[in-house]
Amino acid sequence: MYTIKDIYDDIVNGASFQRIHSKYGGVSIYIPQKLEGYRELIIEEFNGYNYRELAYKYNLAEYSVRRILREHKKDLL
């Protein structure tokens, strides 16, 4: 399993495209957004079904929206 730091280090150290491609080809990288107050907005705007729309609106993965809502639900218990 590679970390974003591994990839970053290879790029900064001048690895060729071919080297990066052969080493990391097919690896998915998710870089989360760091927006102020988006969690509260997602919680307020959630209607029980609009995971995908909220993910699109806030430029997040649908999984992230579901995680935010799941964590909020846990906090309420």
N, C-alpha and C. Protein backbone atom coordinates (compact mmCIF):
# COMPACT_ATOMS: atom_id res chain seq x y z
N MET A 1 0.85 -1.17 0.00
CA MET A 1 0.00 0.00 0.00
C MET A 1 0.89 1.23 0.00
N TYR A 2 0.63 2.12 -0.91
CA TYR A 2 1.41 3.35 -1.02
C TYR A 2 0.67 4.50 -0.34
N THR A 3 1.44 5.45 0.15
CA THR A 3 0.84 6.65 0.72
C THR A 3 1.04 7.80 -0.25
N ILE A 4 0.29 8.86 -0.03
CA ILE A 4 0.42 10.05 -0.87
C ILE A 4 1.84 10.60 -0.75
N LYS A 5 2.45 10.42 0.43
CA LYS A 5 3.82 10.90 0.62
C LYS A 5 4.79 10.14 -0.30
N ASP A 6 4.58 8.84 -0.49
CA ASP A 6 5.44 8.06 -1.39
C ASP A 6 5.39 8.64 -2.80
N ILE A 7 4.20 8.89 -3.27
CA ILE A 7 4.01 9.42 -4.62
C ILE A 7 4.61 10.83 -4.71
N TYR A 8 4.31 11.65 -3.72
CA TYR A 8 4.84 13.02 -3.69
C TYR A 8 6.37 13.01 -3.73
N ASP A 9 6.98 12.16 -2.91
CA ASP A 9 8.44 12.09 -2.87
C ASP A 9 9.02 11.71 -4.23
N ASP A 10 8.40 10.75 -4.91
CA ASP A 10 8.88 10.36 -6.23
C ASP A 10 8.77 11.51 -7.22
N ILE A 11 7.68 12.24 -7.17
CA ILE A 11 7.50 13.37 -8.09
C ILE A 11 8.52 14.47 -7.80
N VAL A 12 8.66 14.83 -6.53
CA VAL A 12 9.59 15.90 -6.13
C VAL A 12 11.03 15.51 -6.45
N ASN A 13 11.34 14.24 -6.32
CA ASN A 13 12.70 13.78 -6.59
C ASN A 13 12.95 13.54 -8.07
N GLY A 14 12.00 13.90 -8.91
CA GLY A 14 12.23 13.87 -10.35
C GLY A 14 12.04 12.54 -11.04
N ALA A 15 11.23 11.66 -10.45
CA ALA A 15 10.98 10.38 -11.10
C ALA A 15 10.29 10.62 -12.44
N SER A 16 10.65 9.84 -13.42
CA SER A 16 10.05 9.99 -14.75
C SER A 16 8.60 9.53 -14.74
N PHE A 17 7.86 9.97 -15.75
CA PHE A 17 6.47 9.54 -15.88
C PHE A 17 6.40 8.02 -15.97
N GLN A 18 7.32 7.42 -16.74
CA GLN A 18 7.31 5.97 -16.90
C GLN A 18 7.50 5.26 -15.55
N ARG A 19 8.41 5.78 -14.74
CA ARG A 19 8.65 5.17 -13.42
C ARG A 19 7.42 5.30 -12.54
N ILE A 20 6.83 6.48 -12.50
CA ILE A 20 5.63 6.70 -11.68
C ILE A 20 4.50 5.81 -12.18
N HIS A 21 4.34 5.75 -13.49
CA HIS A 21 3.27 4.95 -14.07
C HIS A 21 3.46 3.47 -13.76
N SER A 22 4.68 2.97 -13.90
CA SER A 22 4.91 1.54 -13.64
C SER A 22 4.77 1.21 -12.16
N LYS A 23 5.15 2.14 -11.29
CA LYS A 23 5.09 1.88 -9.85
C LYS A 23 3.68 2.06 -9.28
N TYR A 24 2.96 3.10 -9.75
CA TYR A 24 1.67 3.45 -9.15
C TYR A 24 0.48 3.28 -10.09
N GLY A 25 0.70 2.79 -11.29
CA GLY A 25 -0.38 2.64 -12.25
C GLY A 25 -1.55 1.86 -11.67
N GLY A 26 -2.76 2.41 -11.78
CA GLY A 26 -3.95 1.75 -11.27
C GLY A 26 -4.29 2.07 -9.83
N VAL A 27 -3.41 2.79 -9.15
CA VAL A 27 -3.67 3.16 -7.76
C VAL A 27 -4.59 4.36 -7.74
N SER A 28 -5.66 4.28 -6.93
CA SER A 28 -6.57 5.41 -6.76
C SER A 28 -6.08 6.27 -5.60
N ILE A 29 -6.17 7.56 -5.78
CA ILE A 29 -5.76 8.49 -4.74
C ILE A 29 -6.94 9.40 -4.44
N TYR A 30 -7.30 9.51 -3.17
CA TYR A 30 -8.37 10.41 -2.75
C TYR A 30 -7.75 11.48 -1.87
N ILE A 31 -7.93 12.71 -2.25
CA ILE A 31 -7.43 13.84 -1.47
C ILE A 31 -8.65 14.60 -0.97
N PRO A 32 -8.94 14.53 0.33
CA PRO A 32 -10.16 15.13 0.86
C PRO A 32 -10.14 16.65 0.81
N GLN A 33 -11.33 17.21 0.72
CA GLN A 33 -11.49 18.66 0.77
C GLN A 33 -11.38 19.12 2.22
N LYS A 34 -10.89 20.31 2.42
CA LYS A 34 -10.83 20.91 3.75
C LYS A 34 -11.59 22.23 3.70
N LEU A 35 -12.90 22.13 3.74
CA LEU A 35 -13.76 23.30 3.67
C LEU A 35 -14.27 23.63 5.06
N GLU A 36 -14.34 24.91 5.38
CA GLU A 36 -14.83 25.33 6.68
C GLU A 36 -16.34 25.17 6.77
N GLY A 37 -16.82 24.52 7.81
CA GLY A 37 -18.25 24.45 8.09
C GLY A 37 -19.06 23.55 7.17
N TYR A 38 -18.43 22.80 6.30
CA TYR A 38 -19.22 21.97 5.38
C TYR A 38 -19.92 20.83 6.10
N ARG A 39 -19.36 20.35 7.18
CA ARG A 39 -20.01 19.26 7.92
C ARG A 39 -21.38 19.68 8.41
N GLU A 40 -21.45 20.85 8.99
CA GLU A 40 -22.73 21.34 9.51
C GLU A 40 -23.73 21.54 8.38
N LEU A 41 -23.25 22.04 7.24
CA LEU A 41 -24.14 22.25 6.10
C LEU A 41 -24.66 20.93 5.56
N ILE A 42 -23.82 19.93 5.49
CA ILE A 42 -24.24 18.61 5.02
C ILE A 42 -25.30 18.04 5.95
N ILE A 43 -25.08 18.16 7.24
CA ILE A 43 -26.03 17.65 8.23
C ILE A 43 -27.37 18.37 8.09
N GLU A 44 -27.33 19.69 7.93
CA GLU A 44 -28.56 20.48 7.79
C GLU A 44 -29.32 20.15 6.50
N GLU A 45 -28.59 19.93 5.42
CA GLU A 45 -29.21 19.75 4.11
C GLU A 45 -29.60 18.30 3.81
N PHE A 46 -29.17 17.37 4.64
CA PHE A 46 -29.46 15.96 4.37
C PHE A 46 -30.94 15.68 4.57
N ASN A 47 -31.55 15.04 3.58
CA ASN A 47 -32.98 14.73 3.65
C ASN A 47 -33.27 13.24 3.77
N GLY A 48 -32.24 12.45 3.95
CA GLY A 48 -32.41 11.01 4.07
C GLY A 48 -32.05 10.25 2.80
N TYR A 49 -31.94 10.97 1.69
CA TYR A 49 -31.70 10.31 0.41
C TYR A 49 -30.65 10.98 -0.47
N ASN A 50 -30.26 12.20 -0.16
CA ASN A 50 -29.47 13.00 -1.10
C ASN A 50 -27.95 12.93 -0.87
N TYR A 51 -27.44 11.75 -0.63
CA TYR A 51 -26.00 11.56 -0.45
C TYR A 51 -25.22 12.04 -1.67
N ARG A 52 -25.64 11.58 -2.84
CA ARG A 52 -24.92 11.88 -4.07
C ARG A 52 -24.94 13.38 -4.37
N GLU A 53 -26.08 14.01 -4.19
CA GLU A 53 -26.19 15.45 -4.47
C GLU A 53 -25.29 16.27 -3.53
N LEU A 54 -25.27 15.88 -2.25
CA LEU A 54 -24.41 16.59 -1.30
C LEU A 54 -22.93 16.37 -1.63
N ALA A 55 -22.59 15.16 -2.03
CA ALA A 55 -21.20 14.88 -2.41
C ALA A 55 -20.80 15.76 -3.58
N TYR A 56 -21.67 15.87 -4.57
CA TYR A 56 -21.38 16.70 -5.73
C TYR A 56 -21.28 18.18 -5.34
N LYS A 57 -22.24 18.64 -4.55
CA LYS A 57 -22.28 20.05 -4.15
C LYS A 57 -21.02 20.46 -3.38
N TYR A 58 -20.55 19.60 -2.48
CA TYR A 58 -19.40 19.94 -1.64
C TYR A 58 -18.09 19.32 -2.14
N ASN A 59 -18.13 18.76 -3.34
CA ASN A 59 -16.92 18.20 -3.98
C ASN A 59 -16.24 17.17 -3.08
N LEU A 60 -17.06 16.23 -2.58
CA LEU A 60 -16.58 15.16 -1.72
C LEU A 60 -16.97 13.82 -2.33
N ALA A 61 -16.36 12.77 -1.86
CA ALA A 61 -16.79 11.44 -2.24
C ALA A 61 -18.08 11.12 -1.49
N GLU A 62 -18.94 10.37 -2.13
CA GLU A 62 -20.20 9.99 -1.47
C GLU A 62 -19.91 9.27 -0.15
N TYR A 63 -18.86 8.48 -0.14
CA TYR A 63 -18.46 7.80 1.09
C TYR A 63 -18.20 8.81 2.21
N SER A 64 -17.58 9.94 1.89
CA SER A 64 -17.28 10.95 2.91
C SER A 64 -18.55 11.56 3.48
N VAL A 65 -19.52 11.80 2.62
CA VAL A 65 -20.80 12.33 3.08
C VAL A 65 -21.46 11.33 4.02
N ARG A 66 -21.46 10.07 3.64
CA ARG A 66 -22.05 9.03 4.49
C ARG A 66 -21.32 8.94 5.83
N ARG A 67 -20.00 9.06 5.80
CA ARG A 67 -19.21 9.01 7.04
C ARG A 67 -19.56 10.18 7.95
N ILE A 68 -19.65 11.37 7.39
CA ILE A 68 -20.00 12.55 8.17
C ILE A 68 -21.35 12.36 8.85
N LEU A 69 -22.32 11.87 8.11
CA LEU A 69 -23.66 11.67 8.66
C LEU A 69 -23.68 10.54 9.69
N ARG A 70 -22.90 9.49 9.44
CA ARG A 70 -22.80 8.38 10.40
C ARG A 70 -22.18 8.86 11.71
N GLU A 71 -21.12 9.67 11.61
CA GLU A 71 -20.47 10.20 12.82
C GLU A 71 -21.42 11.12 13.58
N HIS A 72 -22.18 11.91 12.84
CA HIS A 72 -23.15 12.81 13.48
C HIS A 72 -24.21 12.00 14.24
N LYS A 73 -24.67 10.93 13.62
CA LYS A 73 -25.68 10.07 14.25
C LYS A 73 -25.11 9.46 15.53
N LYS A 74 -23.84 9.02 15.51
CA LYS A 74 -23.20 8.47 16.70
C LYS A 74 -23.12 9.51 17.81
N ASP A 75 -22.81 10.76 17.44
CA ASP A 75 -22.70 11.83 18.43
C ASP A 75 -24.03 12.11 19.13
N LEU A 76 -25.12 11.85 18.43
CA LEU A 76 -26.45 12.09 19.01
C LEU A 76 -26.84 11.03 20.01
N LEU A 77 -26.23 9.85 19.93
CA LEU A 77 -26.58 8.74 20.84
C LEU A 77 -25.94 8.87 22.18
